[in-house]
């Protein structure tokens, strides 16, 4: 089973832990990793993923509110 990065994602962006995730994203714990996507109007790259103890991961550099999650919901896959 994959483990969550403590501070750095493979891309080198720094991420926040689950406790720092905004309330509007905390319900996304069942989302599968959706990969990188550029936030509209910014140069920040957002990641939404699910790992034990982490409900969402996103760059600390993202200063604007994250957009709503994509409409297509995916279930977390256990490998």
Protein backbone atom coordinates (compact mmCIF):
# COMPACT_ATOMS: atom_id res chain seq x y z
CA UNK A 1 0.00 0.00 0.00
CA UNK A 2 1.43 3.43 -0.85
CA UNK A 3 2.49 5.70 1.95
CA UNK A 4 2.00 9.44 2.08
CA UNK A 5 4.98 11.74 1.80
CA UNK A 6 5.74 13.55 5.03
CA UNK A 7 6.71 16.87 3.53
CA UNK A 8 7.74 16.56 -0.10
CA UNK A 9 5.92 15.05 -3.00
CA UNK A 10 7.87 13.33 -5.78
CA UNK A 11 7.58 16.51 -7.84
CA UNK A 12 9.40 18.50 -5.17
CA UNK A 13 6.41 20.57 -4.13
CA UNK A 14 5.89 20.87 -0.39
CA UNK A 15 2.56 19.58 0.86
CA UNK A 16 0.42 19.99 3.92
CA UNK A 17 -0.79 17.17 6.12
CA UNK A 18 -4.43 16.17 6.53
CA UNK A 19 -4.86 18.41 9.57
CA UNK A 20 -4.09 21.43 7.38
CA UNK A 21 -6.55 20.56 4.64
CA UNK A 22 -9.44 23.05 4.36
CA UNK A 23 -12.81 21.74 5.60
CA UNK A 24 -14.24 21.82 2.09
CA UNK A 25 -11.66 19.23 1.00
CA UNK A 26 -11.71 16.97 4.04
CA UNK A 27 -14.67 15.03 2.66
CA UNK A 28 -12.60 13.93 -0.34
CA UNK A 29 -10.85 11.13 1.57
CA UNK A 30 -12.30 8.51 -0.78
CA UNK A 31 -10.87 10.12 -3.91
CA UNK A 32 -8.21 8.28 -5.77
CA UNK A 33 -5.06 10.14 -6.72
CA UNK A 34 -6.08 12.28 -9.68
CA UNK A 35 -2.61 13.41 -10.65
CA UNK A 36 -1.43 16.92 -11.25
CA UNK A 37 -3.60 19.69 -12.59
CA UNK A 38 -2.89 23.40 -12.82
CA UNK A 39 -5.24 25.51 -10.77
CA UNK A 40 -7.23 27.96 -12.91
CA UNK A 41 -5.72 31.43 -12.82
CA UNK A 42 -2.58 30.31 -11.01
CA UNK A 43 0.68 28.51 -11.62
CA UNK A 44 0.09 26.19 -8.66
CA UNK A 45 -0.35 22.49 -9.27
CA UNK A 46 -2.95 20.70 -7.18
CA UNK A 47 -3.04 17.05 -6.25
CA UNK A 48 -5.98 15.26 -4.67
CA UNK A 49 -5.18 11.86 -3.27
CA UNK A 50 -6.05 9.40 -0.55
CA UNK A 51 -3.57 7.73 1.75
CA UNK A 52 -3.97 6.55 5.34
CA UNK A 53 -4.03 9.64 7.54
CA UNK A 54 -4.12 12.10 4.64
CA UNK A 55 -7.34 13.29 3.09
CA UNK A 56 -5.88 15.63 0.49
CA UNK A 57 -2.51 16.85 -0.66
CA UNK A 58 -1.87 20.16 -2.32
CA UNK A 59 1.01 22.59 -2.74
CA UNK A 60 1.71 25.01 0.09
CA UNK A 61 2.44 27.49 -2.68
CA UNK A 62 -1.25 27.54 -3.63
CA UNK A 63 -2.34 30.87 -2.18
CA UNK A 64 -5.74 31.02 -3.85
CA UNK A 65 -8.64 28.77 -2.78
CA UNK A 66 -8.64 25.41 -4.50
CA UNK A 67 -11.35 24.93 -7.12
CA UNK A 68 -14.12 22.39 -6.55
CA UNK A 69 -12.98 18.81 -7.19
CA UNK A 70 -13.62 17.40 -10.67
CA UNK A 71 -17.10 16.07 -11.23
CA UNK A 72 -15.85 12.58 -11.98
CA UNK A 73 -15.39 10.81 -8.67
CA UNK A 74 -13.05 7.85 -8.37
CA UNK A 75 -12.86 5.33 -5.56
CA UNK A 76 -9.62 4.67 -3.76
CA UNK A 77 -8.09 1.49 -5.08
CA UNK A 78 -6.26 -0.82 -2.71
CA UNK A 79 -3.30 -2.54 -4.26
